[in-house]
Amino acid sequence: MTPIARALSKATGELSRTSDTPRLDAELLMAAALHIGRDRLILDPPNVDVPSDFRGYVSRRSEGEPVAYITGQRAFWTIDLEVGPGALIPRPDSETLIAAAVEHFAGTCGPEHVLDLGTGPGTLLLAALDEWPRAVGVGIDSSPIALTYAQRNAERLGLSGRAALQLGDWARGIERRFDLVLCNPPYVAMDAETGPGVADYEPAEALFAGRDGLDEYRLLAPQIVTLIAPGGLAAIEIGFDQAESAAALFNAEGLSPRLAYDLADRPRALLIKG
């Protein structure tokens, strides 16, 4: 067994006490320490000594720090994003919104103008701009730290000329309509359980939304109707148990959202057509 294989096996056992995905975590941390992709680590592992950084990475993960903060990056849809403390880590569940948009615009040239409310590190906006090369977009967030990551991501991905990033409070001050409106608001109830390390490390303002997790939907529901262009789509992420409660707030505004489901077949987004 090579030194890399032995270190991975040992780290997997150590991380199994604090992580639901110990082998995956160990591989991602090793790939980061080696400065290679995880695919190369698995398919063509180098027969070299274990990098000195690896043990420190494993120790940090054992204490609950998210892998994405340790490695400084997270894959999402077709792009890789720089992330770190102060920015919400992109989740695979949020890809449901992009997938729904791809379906909505199938057979067309796609959206020309995209709005991402609560863009964080640019997650949904930059994924959409990468998907539709003719599109331009606006990303709004209330966090200067998150917008710093978003700007760096836009520049690294070659999308800064098509992405306008600005500090704001949801859609306040926005007076135009967009073909595609994307939003992943905070939706966790204050007393709800979160995954290991989530509440300890990720920004609370990007996670929690009042006692029932619906506070931000109450603000968003009256705004959404004025943002969607004719023929356009708004895709708004929800918690898997909020299909009825969140939809009711948009129904009260005269909208008729339908549900989009994630890969686990759980309700994950409200879709509203313009």
Protein backbone atom coordinates (compact mmCIF):
# COMPACT_ATOMS: atom_id res chain seq x y z
CA MET A 1 0.00 0.00 0.00
CA THR A 2 1.35 3.42 -0.97
CA PRO A 3 1.79 6.20 1.61
CA ILE A 4 -1.18 8.05 0.06
CA ALA A 5 -3.45 5.00 0.30
CA ARG A 6 -2.45 4.37 3.92
CA ALA A 7 -3.06 8.00 4.85
CA LEU A 8 -6.46 7.96 3.18
CA SER A 9 -7.47 4.80 5.03
CA LYS A 10 -6.37 6.22 8.37
CA ALA A 11 -8.09 9.57 7.75
CA THR A 12 -11.31 7.85 6.73
CA GLY A 13 -11.43 6.03 10.05
CA GLU A 14 -10.69 9.21 11.95
CA LEU A 15 -13.29 11.27 10.11
CA SER A 16 -15.98 8.60 10.48
CA ARG A 17 -16.51 9.89 14.02
CA THR A 18 -17.59 13.34 12.84
CA SER A 19 -18.59 13.07 9.18
CA ASP A 20 -21.30 11.29 7.25
CA THR A 21 -18.98 11.06 4.23
CA PRO A 22 -15.55 10.27 5.70
CA ARG A 23 -13.97 8.67 2.62
CA LEU A 24 -15.14 11.46 0.33
CA ASP A 25 -13.88 14.06 2.76
CA ALA A 26 -10.50 12.35 3.03
CA GLU A 27 -10.14 12.18 -0.74
CA LEU A 28 -11.07 15.83 -1.24
CA LEU A 29 -8.62 16.92 1.43
CA MET A 30 -5.84 14.77 0.00
CA ALA A 31 -6.46 16.06 -3.51
CA ALA A 32 -6.28 19.63 -2.20
CA ALA A 33 -3.04 18.90 -0.35
CA LEU A 34 -1.56 17.38 -3.51
CA HIS A 35 -2.91 20.22 -5.70
CA ILE A 36 -4.62 17.78 -8.04
CA GLY A 37 -8.23 16.91 -8.82
CA ARG A 38 -10.04 14.17 -6.94
CA ASP A 39 -10.57 12.32 -10.22
CA ARG A 40 -6.82 12.04 -10.74
CA LEU A 41 -6.33 10.97 -7.12
CA ILE A 42 -8.75 8.08 -7.67
CA LEU A 43 -7.77 7.08 -11.22
CA ASP A 44 -4.02 7.73 -11.15
CA PRO A 45 -2.86 8.24 -7.56
CA PRO A 46 0.69 9.53 -7.30
CA ASN A 47 3.19 7.35 -5.45
CA VAL A 48 4.61 10.18 -3.33
CA ASP A 49 4.92 11.09 0.31
CA VAL A 50 1.86 12.44 2.04
CA PRO A 51 1.87 16.27 1.87
CA SER A 52 2.48 17.96 5.19
CA ASP A 53 -0.74 19.96 4.85
CA PHE A 54 -2.90 16.84 4.85
CA ARG A 55 -2.76 16.12 8.57
CA GLY A 56 -3.75 19.69 9.37
CA TYR A 57 -6.67 19.47 6.96
CA VAL A 58 -7.91 16.25 8.57
CA SER A 59 -7.58 17.75 12.04
CA ARG A 60 -9.65 20.78 11.02
CA ARG A 61 -12.32 18.55 9.46
CA SER A 62 -12.39 16.40 12.62
CA GLU A 63 -13.30 19.54 14.56
CA GLY A 64 -16.26 20.16 12.25
CA GLU A 65 -14.93 22.73 9.80
CA PRO A 66 -16.56 22.21 6.38
CA VAL A 67 -14.39 20.65 3.69
CA ALA A 68 -15.13 23.54 1.33
CA TYR A 69 -13.71 26.06 3.79
CA ILE A 70 -10.58 23.95 4.24
CA THR A 71 -9.96 23.46 0.53
CA GLY A 72 -11.27 26.90 -0.41
CA GLN A 73 -13.46 25.65 -3.23
CA ARG A 74 -16.68 23.86 -4.09
CA ALA A 75 -17.95 22.45 -7.38
CA PHE A 76 -21.43 23.52 -8.46
CA TRP A 77 -23.22 22.62 -11.70
CA THR A 78 -20.53 23.16 -14.36
CA ILE A 79 -18.28 25.54 -12.43
CA ASP A 80 -15.88 25.55 -9.49
CA LEU A 81 -16.36 28.31 -6.94
CA GLU A 82 -14.00 29.81 -4.40
CA VAL A 83 -15.63 29.79 -0.97
CA GLY A 84 -14.63 30.59 2.57
CA PRO A 85 -15.87 31.90 5.92
CA GLY A 86 -18.63 34.44 5.48
CA ALA A 87 -20.04 32.85 2.31
CA LEU A 88 -22.67 30.11 2.19
CA ILE A 89 -21.26 26.88 0.77
CA PRO A 90 -23.08 25.83 -2.44
CA ARG A 91 -25.16 22.67 -2.07
CA PRO A 92 -26.04 20.12 -4.76
CA ASP A 93 -29.72 20.65 -3.86
CA SER A 94 -29.49 24.17 -5.29
CA GLU A 95 -28.68 22.72 -8.71
CA THR A 96 -32.40 21.92 -8.84
CA LEU A 97 -33.02 25.59 -9.68
CA ILE A 98 -30.63 25.58 -12.63
CA ALA A 99 -32.01 22.26 -13.87
CA ALA A 100 -35.55 23.68 -13.75
CA ALA A 101 -34.42 26.73 -15.71
CA VAL A 102 -32.72 24.55 -18.34
CA GLU A 103 -36.01 22.69 -18.78
CA HIS A 104 -38.03 25.91 -18.94
CA PHE A 105 -35.85 27.46 -21.64
CA ALA A 106 -35.29 24.28 -23.66
CA GLY A 107 -35.65 24.92 -27.37
CA THR A 108 -34.95 28.64 -27.01
CA CYS A 109 -31.83 30.79 -26.92
CA GLY A 110 -32.19 30.85 -23.16
CA PRO A 111 -32.60 33.81 -20.84
CA GLU A 112 -30.95 37.08 -21.78
CA HIS A 113 -31.19 38.74 -18.38
CA VAL A 114 -30.71 36.90 -15.08
CA LEU A 115 -31.23 38.09 -11.51
CA ASP A 116 -29.82 36.18 -8.52
CA LEU A 117 -31.19 37.36 -5.17
CA GLY A 118 -28.87 36.36 -2.33
CA THR A 119 -26.07 35.39 -4.69
CA GLY A 120 -23.54 34.50 -1.97
CA PRO A 121 -20.27 33.57 -3.71
CA GLY A 122 -22.07 33.95 -7.05
CA THR A 123 -23.40 30.41 -7.02
CA LEU A 124 -26.59 30.54 -9.07
CA LEU A 125 -25.79 33.61 -11.14
CA LEU A 126 -22.43 32.36 -12.38
CA ALA A 127 -23.78 28.87 -13.05
CA ALA A 128 -26.54 30.43 -15.16
CA LEU A 129 -24.14 32.67 -17.08
CA ASP A 130 -21.90 29.69 -17.77
CA GLU A 131 -24.93 27.72 -18.98
CA TRP A 132 -26.18 30.48 -21.30
CA PRO A 133 -23.21 32.32 -22.88
CA ARG A 134 -25.42 35.10 -24.29
CA ALA A 135 -26.90 36.01 -20.91
CA VAL A 136 -25.96 38.87 -18.63
CA GLY A 137 -26.99 39.11 -15.02
CA VAL A 138 -27.19 40.87 -11.69
CA GLY A 139 -26.28 39.29 -8.35
CA ILE A 140 -27.44 40.93 -5.14
CA ASP A 141 -26.40 40.11 -1.60
CA SER A 142 -26.50 41.87 1.76
CA SER A 143 -23.04 40.56 2.70
CA PRO A 144 -19.93 42.44 1.51
CA ILE A 145 -17.86 39.36 2.34
CA ALA A 146 -19.98 37.10 0.13
CA LEU A 147 -19.82 39.62 -2.71
CA THR A 148 -16.03 39.67 -2.48
CA TYR A 149 -16.01 35.95 -3.18
CA ALA A 150 -18.59 36.42 -5.95
CA GLN A 151 -16.44 39.04 -7.66
CA ARG A 152 -13.33 36.87 -7.49
CA ASN A 153 -15.28 33.92 -8.87
CA ALA A 154 -16.68 36.00 -11.72
CA GLU A 155 -13.21 37.20 -12.65
CA ARG A 156 -11.62 33.75 -12.44
CA LEU A 157 -14.37 32.22 -14.58
CA GLY A 158 -14.12 34.99 -17.17
CA LEU A 159 -17.66 36.17 -16.42
CA SER A 160 -17.03 39.52 -14.76
CA GLY A 161 -17.99 41.41 -17.91
CA ARG A 162 -21.43 39.81 -17.83
CA ALA A 163 -22.09 39.83 -14.08
CA ALA A 164 -22.98 42.97 -12.13
CA LEU A 165 -22.63 42.33 -8.40
CA GLN A 166 -24.13 44.72 -5.90
CA LEU A 167 -24.92 45.12 -2.23
CA GLY A 168 -28.64 45.17 -1.55
CA ASP A 169 -31.72 44.02 0.31
CA TRP A 170 -33.38 41.44 -1.91
CA ALA A 171 -35.06 43.26 -4.82
CA ARG A 172 -35.43 46.64 -3.16
CA GLY A 173 -34.65 49.30 -5.75
CA ILE A 174 -34.85 46.89 -8.71
CA GLU A 175 -37.31 48.32 -11.22
CA ARG A 176 -36.82 46.09 -14.25
CA ARG A 177 -37.85 42.58 -15.20
CA PHE A 178 -35.66 39.56 -15.85
CA ASP A 179 -36.08 36.42 -17.92
CA LEU A 180 -34.74 34.30 -15.08
CA VAL A 181 -34.94 35.10 -11.37
CA LEU A 182 -33.01 32.79 -9.06
CA CYS A 183 -33.06 32.86 -5.28
CA ASN A 184 -31.77 30.65 -2.49
CA PRO A 185 -32.89 32.52 0.63
CA PRO A 186 -32.30 31.54 4.25
CA TYR A 187 -35.01 29.05 5.17
CA VAL A 188 -33.87 27.17 8.28
CA ALA A 189 -36.02 27.59 11.40
CA MET A 190 -34.08 29.01 14.34
CA ASP A 191 -34.40 25.87 16.48
CA ALA A 192 -33.91 23.36 13.65
CA GLU A 193 -31.08 20.85 13.58
CA THR A 194 -28.36 21.48 11.00
CA GLY A 195 -25.63 19.20 9.71
CA PRO A 196 -22.30 18.85 11.51
CA GLY A 197 -20.36 22.10 11.49
CA VAL A 198 -22.99 24.05 9.53
CA ALA A 199 -24.23 26.41 12.24
CA ASP A 200 -20.78 26.64 13.81
CA TYR A 201 -19.00 27.81 10.66
CA GLU A 202 -21.38 29.12 7.98
CA PRO A 203 -22.95 32.60 8.22
CA ALA A 204 -26.14 32.53 10.29
CA GLU A 205 -27.72 35.26 8.17
CA ALA A 206 -27.53 32.96 5.14
CA LEU A 207 -29.10 30.02 6.99
CA PHE A 208 -31.75 31.03 9.49
CA ALA A 209 -35.06 32.77 8.83
CA GLY A 210 -37.05 33.16 12.02
CA ARG A 211 -38.96 30.72 14.16
CA ASP A 212 -40.62 28.95 11.23
CA GLY A 213 -37.97 29.49 8.56
CA LEU A 214 -40.35 31.57 6.44
CA ASP A 215 -39.36 35.15 7.29
CA GLU A 216 -37.50 35.80 4.04
CA TYR A 217 -40.28 34.32 1.89
CA ARG A 218 -42.65 36.83 3.48
CA LEU A 219 -40.40 39.60 2.18
CA LEU A 220 -39.81 38.00 -1.21
CA ALA A 221 -43.36 37.02 -2.14
CA PRO A 222 -44.62 40.59 -2.82
CA GLN A 223 -41.47 41.42 -4.81
CA ILE A 224 -41.27 38.45 -7.17
CA VAL A 225 -44.32 39.30 -9.28
CA THR A 226 -42.72 42.58 -10.42
CA LEU A 227 -39.43 40.93 -11.43
CA ILE A 228 -40.37 38.21 -13.95
CA ALA A 229 -40.48 39.14 -17.64
CA PRO A 230 -43.24 37.65 -19.82
CA GLY A 231 -42.27 34.09 -20.65
CA GLY A 232 -39.69 34.13 -17.89
CA LEU A 233 -39.22 32.03 -14.78
CA ALA A 234 -38.51 32.53 -11.10
CA ALA A 235 -36.96 29.58 -9.27
CA ILE A 236 -36.88 29.93 -5.49
CA GLU A 237 -35.29 27.32 -3.26
CA ILE A 238 -37.23 25.94 -0.28
CA GLY A 239 -36.64 23.49 2.52
CA PHE A 240 -37.87 19.99 1.73
CA ASP A 241 -40.67 20.37 4.31
CA GLN A 242 -41.81 23.85 3.22
CA ALA A 243 -43.70 23.03 0.03
CA GLU A 244 -47.09 24.01 1.40
CA SER A 245 -46.10 26.73 3.86
CA ALA A 246 -43.81 28.64 1.49
CA ALA A 247 -46.13 28.23 -1.51
CA ALA A 248 -49.02 29.66 0.50
CA LEU A 249 -47.18 32.97 0.85
CA PHE A 250 -46.79 33.28 -2.92
CA ASN A 251 -50.36 32.12 -3.55
CA ALA A 252 -51.50 34.99 -1.34
CA GLU A 253 -49.83 37.37 -3.80
CA GLY A 254 -51.81 35.94 -6.71
CA LEU A 255 -49.02 33.68 -7.93
CA SER A 256 -49.34 29.98 -8.70
CA PRO A 257 -46.03 28.29 -7.97
CA ARG A 258 -45.38 24.69 -8.92
CA LEU A 259 -42.80 22.47 -7.31
CA ALA A 260 -39.45 21.25 -8.56
CA TYR A 261 -37.92 18.20 -6.91
CA ASP A 262 -34.30 17.44 -6.09
CA LEU A 263 -32.47 14.20 -6.90
CA ALA A 264 -33.82 12.63 -3.71
CA ASP A 265 -37.34 13.41 -4.97
CA ARG A 266 -37.94 16.01 -2.26
CA PRO A 267 -39.64 19.37 -2.92
CA ARG A 268 -36.75 21.79 -3.40
CA ALA A 269 -37.94 24.84 -5.34
CA LEU A 270 -40.97 26.94 -6.17
CA LEU A 271 -41.27 27.73 -9.88
CA ILE A 272 -43.23 30.77 -10.96
CA LYS A 273 -43.78 31.62 -14.62
CA GLY A 274 -43.98 35.14 -15.96
